[in-house]
Amino acid sequence: MRILLFGKGGQVGWELQRSLAPLGEIVALDREDTAPLSGDLADPERLAAVVAEVAPDVIVNAAAYTAVDNAEREPDLARAINATAPGVLAHAAKSRGAWLVHYSTDYVFDGSGMAPWTEDSPTGPLNVYGRTKLEGEEQIRASGCRHLILRTSWVYAARGHNFARTMLRLAAERDELKVIDDQHGAPTGADLLADVTAHALRAAQARPELGGTYNCAAAGETTWHGYARHVIEAARSAGQPIRVASDGIRAVSSAAFVTPARRPHNSRLATGKLRQAFGLTLPNWQTGVDRMLKEILGR
């Protein structure tokens, strides 16, 4: 089996190169790749040619425009990457009978209420990023290609920049931190997403009726404040130089931080459909975060 992977340098793309390796040959691309193959989703016109050249059995799109605030200023670029490009890949997959795996987000919902969102919940994005990601989903489904769309939330990895690294840096520099406590979700590791992808893809190839849209996030829930406290106290217990005291990690509302893009308050995702369809167990969010911390703290 030949797998064409877009977004190889991102958090999820990096882990996918590991998790998908046992399934077949991987041709991994990124936006910096220009010759002989381009992995730049901002140039959708070239994507069909890339698919034709590689002739994959599976296309995995782990690339996206994820700068949520910048998307408000660059809606055309965000739409090209998050909506137009997935549509091109979907039609290319359909034409050759290939599977398409694509990643979406809790931002397709409006963030209201307290109940976890199911795959069938009404959508209502609050910002350009969410709207373009929803458009990408819709184009994939409309193409009629065999596909798996995995909606996730609060993705992190030991590699690259992330919320945990930022909190650790600030905790070592400041006496007080203000962290949002009215947005709820589950931090989800890129490694977990990649492993679920490999399991789900293999199962769906054997049983094509399993194709469709699924929520995929770690179990449990927290807030950004709860996430920050967990990370900082773990680092403190590990002997890291932490300046901020435990009572100096202050909980504040979203109103304390004015951003160009509105964020959803409720990012909880119900994962029962995924777990039942593929026979998977999704670990609690703390399990993955603790593993990441051991990697970045050198323990």
Protein backbone atom coordinates (compact mmCIF):
# COMPACT_ATOMS: atom_id res chain seq x y z
CA MET A 1 0.00 0.00 0.00
CA ARG A 2 1.21 3.51 -0.82
CA ILE A 3 0.27 6.39 1.49
CA LEU A 4 0.56 10.06 0.48
CA LEU A 5 0.92 12.22 3.59
CA PHE A 6 0.57 16.01 3.61
CA GLY A 7 1.84 18.05 6.56
CA LYS A 8 4.79 15.86 7.52
CA GLY A 9 6.44 18.61 9.60
CA GLY A 10 3.46 19.33 11.83
CA GLN A 11 2.75 17.78 15.20
CA VAL A 12 0.29 15.19 13.88
CA GLY A 13 2.15 14.68 10.59
CA TRP A 14 5.36 13.86 12.43
CA GLU A 15 3.65 11.18 14.52
CA LEU A 16 1.81 9.78 11.50
CA GLN A 17 5.11 8.93 9.84
CA ARG A 18 5.68 6.56 12.76
CA SER A 19 2.17 5.15 13.20
CA LEU A 20 1.46 4.58 9.49
CA ALA A 21 4.84 3.02 8.66
CA PRO A 22 3.68 -0.57 9.31
CA LEU A 23 0.78 -0.12 6.87
CA GLY A 24 2.81 0.61 3.78
CA GLU A 25 5.16 2.92 1.91
CA ILE A 26 4.78 6.57 2.92
CA VAL A 27 5.44 9.52 0.62
CA ALA A 28 5.53 12.44 3.05
CA LEU A 29 5.33 16.05 1.91
CA ASP A 30 5.25 19.51 3.44
CA ARG A 31 4.81 23.03 2.13
CA GLU A 32 8.58 23.45 1.86
CA ASP A 33 8.72 20.59 -0.63
CA THR A 34 8.55 21.98 -4.15
CA ALA A 35 10.35 19.54 -6.43
CA PRO A 36 9.62 17.08 -7.78
CA LEU A 37 6.46 17.08 -5.65
CA SER A 38 4.76 19.98 -3.88
CA GLY A 39 3.12 19.61 -0.49
CA ASP A 40 1.84 23.19 -0.38
CA LEU A 41 -1.93 23.20 0.21
CA ALA A 42 -1.99 26.93 -0.46
CA ASP A 43 -1.56 25.96 -4.13
CA PRO A 44 -4.56 23.63 -4.60
CA GLU A 45 -4.22 23.60 -8.39
CA ARG A 46 -1.06 21.48 -8.13
CA LEU A 47 -2.49 18.92 -5.71
CA ALA A 48 -4.33 16.80 -8.27
CA ALA A 49 -1.11 16.48 -10.25
CA VAL A 50 0.78 15.41 -7.11
CA VAL A 51 -1.80 12.71 -6.39
CA ALA A 52 -1.61 11.48 -9.97
CA GLU A 53 2.20 11.32 -9.79
CA VAL A 54 2.32 9.43 -6.48
CA ALA A 55 -0.68 7.19 -7.27
CA PRO A 56 -1.51 6.51 -3.60
CA ASP A 57 -3.97 4.06 -2.13
CA VAL A 58 -4.47 6.38 0.83
CA ILE A 59 -4.18 10.18 1.12
CA VAL A 60 -3.69 11.56 4.64
CA ASN A 61 -4.10 15.31 5.04
CA ALA A 62 -2.49 16.47 8.27
CA ALA A 63 -1.84 19.99 6.95
CA ALA A 64 -4.05 22.95 7.83
CA TYR A 65 -4.13 26.69 8.39
CA THR A 66 -4.29 26.68 12.20
CA ALA A 67 -3.39 30.28 13.12
CA VAL A 68 -6.86 31.05 14.42
CA ASP A 69 -6.42 34.80 14.89
CA ASN A 70 -4.47 35.30 11.68
CA ALA A 71 -7.26 33.61 9.76
CA GLU A 72 -9.48 36.61 10.53
CA ARG A 73 -7.02 38.73 8.52
CA GLU A 74 -6.27 36.13 5.86
CA PRO A 75 -9.63 34.44 5.14
CA ASP A 76 -8.78 33.67 1.51
CA LEU A 77 -5.57 31.86 2.42
CA ALA A 78 -7.29 29.99 5.25
CA ARG A 79 -10.06 28.91 2.87
CA ALA A 80 -7.61 27.79 0.19
CA ILE A 81 -5.77 25.53 2.67
CA ASN A 82 -8.64 24.38 4.89
CA ALA A 83 -11.47 24.08 2.36
CA THR A 84 -10.40 24.22 -1.29
CA ALA A 85 -7.38 21.92 -0.93
CA PRO A 86 -9.27 19.15 0.93
CA GLY A 87 -11.91 19.32 -1.80
CA VAL A 88 -9.27 18.84 -4.47
CA LEU A 89 -7.76 15.91 -2.57
CA ALA A 90 -11.21 14.38 -2.10
CA HIS A 91 -12.00 14.48 -5.83
CA ALA A 92 -8.56 13.08 -6.62
CA ALA A 93 -9.14 10.26 -4.13
CA LYS A 94 -12.56 9.56 -5.61
CA SER A 95 -11.17 9.37 -9.15
CA ARG A 96 -8.68 6.66 -8.24
CA GLY A 97 -10.63 4.83 -5.53
CA ALA A 98 -8.28 5.91 -2.74
CA TRP A 99 -9.11 6.59 0.88
CA LEU A 100 -8.79 10.14 2.27
CA VAL A 101 -8.03 10.73 5.95
CA HIS A 102 -8.58 14.31 7.09
CA TYR A 103 -8.46 16.11 10.46
CA SER A 104 -11.02 18.63 11.60
CA THR A 105 -11.78 20.49 14.82
CA ASP A 106 -14.21 21.25 17.63
CA TYR A 107 -14.27 24.79 16.20
CA VAL A 108 -16.94 23.65 13.72
CA PHE A 109 -19.36 24.00 16.67
CA ASP A 110 -20.49 27.22 18.37
CA GLY A 111 -19.20 26.28 21.82
CA SER A 112 -22.53 26.73 23.59
CA GLY A 113 -23.91 24.62 26.41
CA MET A 114 -22.16 22.04 28.55
CA ALA A 115 -22.90 18.73 26.79
CA PRO A 116 -20.20 17.09 24.66
CA TRP A 117 -20.72 17.54 20.94
CA THR A 118 -21.60 14.46 18.92
CA GLU A 119 -20.88 13.94 15.26
CA ASP A 120 -24.51 14.83 14.49
CA SER A 121 -24.68 17.99 16.60
CA PRO A 122 -25.63 21.18 14.72
CA THR A 123 -22.56 23.08 13.55
CA GLY A 124 -22.09 26.85 13.93
CA PRO A 125 -18.50 28.07 13.73
CA LEU A 126 -17.62 31.29 15.55
CA ASN A 127 -14.66 32.33 13.41
CA VAL A 128 -13.00 32.07 9.99
CA TYR A 129 -10.86 29.10 11.04
CA GLY A 130 -13.91 27.10 12.12
CA ARG A 131 -15.91 28.06 9.04
CA THR A 132 -13.13 27.05 6.64
CA LYS A 133 -12.57 23.74 8.44
CA LEU A 134 -16.29 23.01 8.20
CA GLU A 135 -16.22 23.86 4.49
CA GLY A 136 -13.39 21.37 4.06
CA GLU A 137 -15.45 18.65 5.74
CA GLU A 138 -18.43 19.42 3.53
CA GLN A 139 -16.40 19.28 0.34
CA ILE A 140 -14.98 15.88 1.30
CA ARG A 141 -18.39 14.42 2.04
CA ALA A 142 -19.89 15.91 -1.13
CA SER A 143 -17.16 14.33 -3.29
CA GLY A 144 -18.34 10.81 -2.52
CA CYS A 145 -14.81 9.57 -1.85
CA ARG A 146 -14.08 6.96 0.79
CA HIS A 147 -12.97 8.96 3.79
CA LEU A 148 -12.31 9.24 7.49
CA ILE A 149 -12.70 12.70 9.05
CA LEU A 150 -11.41 12.92 12.63
CA ARG A 151 -12.54 15.95 14.63
CA THR A 152 -10.26 16.71 17.55
CA SER A 153 -9.39 19.43 20.07
CA TRP A 154 -6.50 21.07 21.91
CA VAL A 155 -3.77 19.13 20.10
CA TYR A 156 -0.27 19.06 21.59
CA ALA A 157 3.03 17.21 21.15
CA ALA A 158 6.43 17.15 22.82
CA ARG A 159 7.86 18.36 19.53
CA GLY A 160 7.45 22.02 18.58
CA HIS A 161 5.63 24.87 20.30
CA ASN A 162 2.60 24.21 22.47
CA PHE A 163 0.58 25.52 25.41
CA ALA A 164 2.47 23.42 27.97
CA ARG A 165 5.87 24.77 26.89
CA THR A 166 4.54 28.32 27.03
CA MET A 167 3.17 27.80 30.55
CA LEU A 168 6.44 26.30 31.77
CA ARG A 169 8.42 29.23 30.37
CA LEU A 170 6.12 31.81 31.92
CA ALA A 171 5.98 29.94 35.23
CA ALA A 172 9.77 30.17 35.46
CA GLU A 173 9.72 33.91 34.74
CA ARG A 174 6.70 35.34 36.56
CA ASP A 175 5.21 35.55 40.03
CA GLU A 176 1.66 35.43 38.68
CA LEU A 177 -0.08 33.88 35.71
CA LYS A 178 -3.60 34.53 34.43
CA VAL A 179 -5.11 31.57 32.60
CA ILE A 180 -8.58 31.18 31.08
CA ASP A 181 -10.97 29.04 33.10
CA ASP A 182 -14.22 29.20 31.12
CA GLN A 183 -13.22 27.19 28.04
CA HIS A 184 -13.62 23.43 28.47
CA GLY A 185 -12.04 20.62 26.48
CA ALA A 186 -9.59 17.74 26.48
CA PRO A 187 -5.90 18.16 25.60
CA THR A 188 -5.24 15.51 22.96
CA GLY A 189 -1.80 14.22 22.03
CA ALA A 190 -0.67 14.10 18.43
CA ASP A 191 0.66 10.62 19.16
CA LEU A 192 -2.81 9.45 20.23
CA LEU A 193 -4.36 10.90 17.08
CA ALA A 194 -1.77 9.20 14.92
CA ASP A 195 -2.24 5.82 16.59
CA VAL A 196 -6.03 6.03 16.33
CA THR A 197 -5.64 6.95 12.65
CA ALA A 198 -3.63 3.82 11.91
CA HIS A 199 -6.11 1.55 13.71
CA ALA A 200 -9.16 3.20 12.13
CA LEU A 201 -7.69 3.24 8.64
CA ARG A 202 -6.83 -0.44 8.69
CA ALA A 203 -10.30 -1.32 9.99
CA ALA A 204 -12.05 0.91 7.43
CA GLN A 205 -10.12 -0.60 4.55
CA ALA A 206 -11.41 -4.01 5.58
CA ARG A 207 -14.91 -2.68 6.26
CA PRO A 208 -15.58 0.37 4.07
CA GLU A 209 -18.91 0.99 5.80
CA LEU A 210 -16.88 2.33 8.74
CA GLY A 211 -15.92 5.40 6.74
CA GLY A 212 -17.32 8.75 7.87
CA THR A 213 -16.87 11.48 10.46
CA TYR A 214 -15.72 10.76 14.01
CA ASN A 215 -14.83 12.73 17.11
CA CYS A 216 -11.39 11.84 18.47
CA ALA A 217 -10.14 13.36 21.71
CA ALA A 218 -8.62 12.16 24.95
CA ALA A 219 -10.99 11.17 27.73
CA GLY A 220 -12.01 13.54 30.51
CA GLU A 221 -12.08 17.31 30.43
CA THR A 222 -10.42 20.37 31.91
CA THR A 223 -9.99 24.09 31.29
CA TRP A 224 -6.91 25.95 30.13
CA HIS A 225 -6.40 26.92 33.77
CA GLY A 226 -6.67 23.31 34.91
CA TYR A 227 -4.32 22.26 32.13
CA ALA A 228 -1.79 24.92 33.15
CA ARG A 229 -1.94 23.95 36.83
CA HIS A 230 -1.39 20.29 35.97
CA VAL A 231 1.64 21.08 33.82
CA ILE A 232 3.22 23.53 36.25
CA GLU A 233 2.75 21.39 39.35
CA ALA A 234 4.16 18.36 37.54
CA ALA A 235 7.23 20.38 36.60
CA ARG A 236 7.55 21.67 40.16
CA SER A 237 7.41 18.10 41.50
CA ALA A 238 10.09 17.13 38.99
CA GLY A 239 12.46 19.76 40.42
CA GLN A 240 12.15 22.26 37.59
CA PRO A 241 12.82 25.94 38.41
CA ILE A 242 9.28 27.24 38.87
CA ARG A 243 8.90 30.82 40.12
CA VAL A 244 5.12 31.19 40.29
CA ALA A 245 3.49 29.91 43.47
CA SER A 246 0.53 27.53 43.25
CA ASP A 247 -1.86 30.29 44.34
CA GLY A 248 -0.30 32.62 41.78
CA ILE A 249 -1.89 30.70 38.88
CA ARG A 250 -5.05 32.76 38.64
CA ALA A 251 -8.23 31.70 36.88
CA VAL A 252 -9.78 34.36 34.64
CA SER A 253 -12.56 34.53 32.07
CA SER A 254 -12.09 34.70 28.32
CA ALA A 255 -12.99 38.39 28.54
CA ALA A 256 -9.58 39.03 30.11
CA PHE A 257 -7.92 38.33 26.74
CA VAL A 258 -9.25 40.15 23.70
CA THR A 259 -8.46 38.24 20.49
CA PRO A 260 -9.44 38.81 16.85
CA ALA A 261 -11.20 35.42 16.71
CA ARG A 262 -13.87 34.25 19.14
CA ARG A 263 -13.14 30.95 20.88
CA PRO A 264 -15.74 28.32 21.81
CA HIS A 265 -16.40 27.87 25.54
CA ASN A 266 -17.46 24.25 25.12
CA SER A 267 -14.98 22.10 23.20
CA ARG A 268 -16.08 18.80 24.74
CA LEU A 269 -16.31 16.03 22.14
CA ALA A 270 -18.32 12.83 22.60
CA THR A 271 -16.21 9.91 21.35
CA GLY A 272 -18.59 6.99 21.80
CA LYS A 273 -19.09 6.51 18.05
CA LEU A 274 -15.34 6.15 17.45
CA ARG A 275 -14.77 3.85 20.41
CA GLN A 276 -17.62 1.55 19.49
CA ALA A 277 -16.88 1.43 15.74
CA PHE A 278 -13.20 0.61 16.11
CA GLY A 279 -13.07 -1.05 19.52
CA LEU A 280 -10.72 1.57 20.95
CA THR A 281 -10.07 2.96 24.41
CA LEU A 282 -9.11 6.62 24.65
CA PRO A 283 -6.92 7.36 27.71
CA ASN A 284 -7.55 10.26 30.07
CA TRP A 285 -5.98 13.53 28.98
CA GLN A 286 -3.63 13.54 31.98
CA THR A 287 -1.99 10.31 30.79
CA GLY A 288 -0.83 11.82 27.52
CA VAL A 289 0.16 15.15 29.04
CA ASP A 290 2.28 13.43 31.70
CA ARG A 291 4.04 11.42 29.01
CA MET A 292 4.73 14.59 27.03
CA LEU A 293 6.11 16.30 30.15
CA LYS A 294 8.52 13.45 30.76
CA GLU A 295 9.85 13.95 27.25
CA ILE A 296 10.24 17.73 27.37
CA LEU A 297 11.55 17.78 30.95
CA GLY A 298 14.10 15.07 30.17
CA ARG A 299 12.84 12.51 32.71
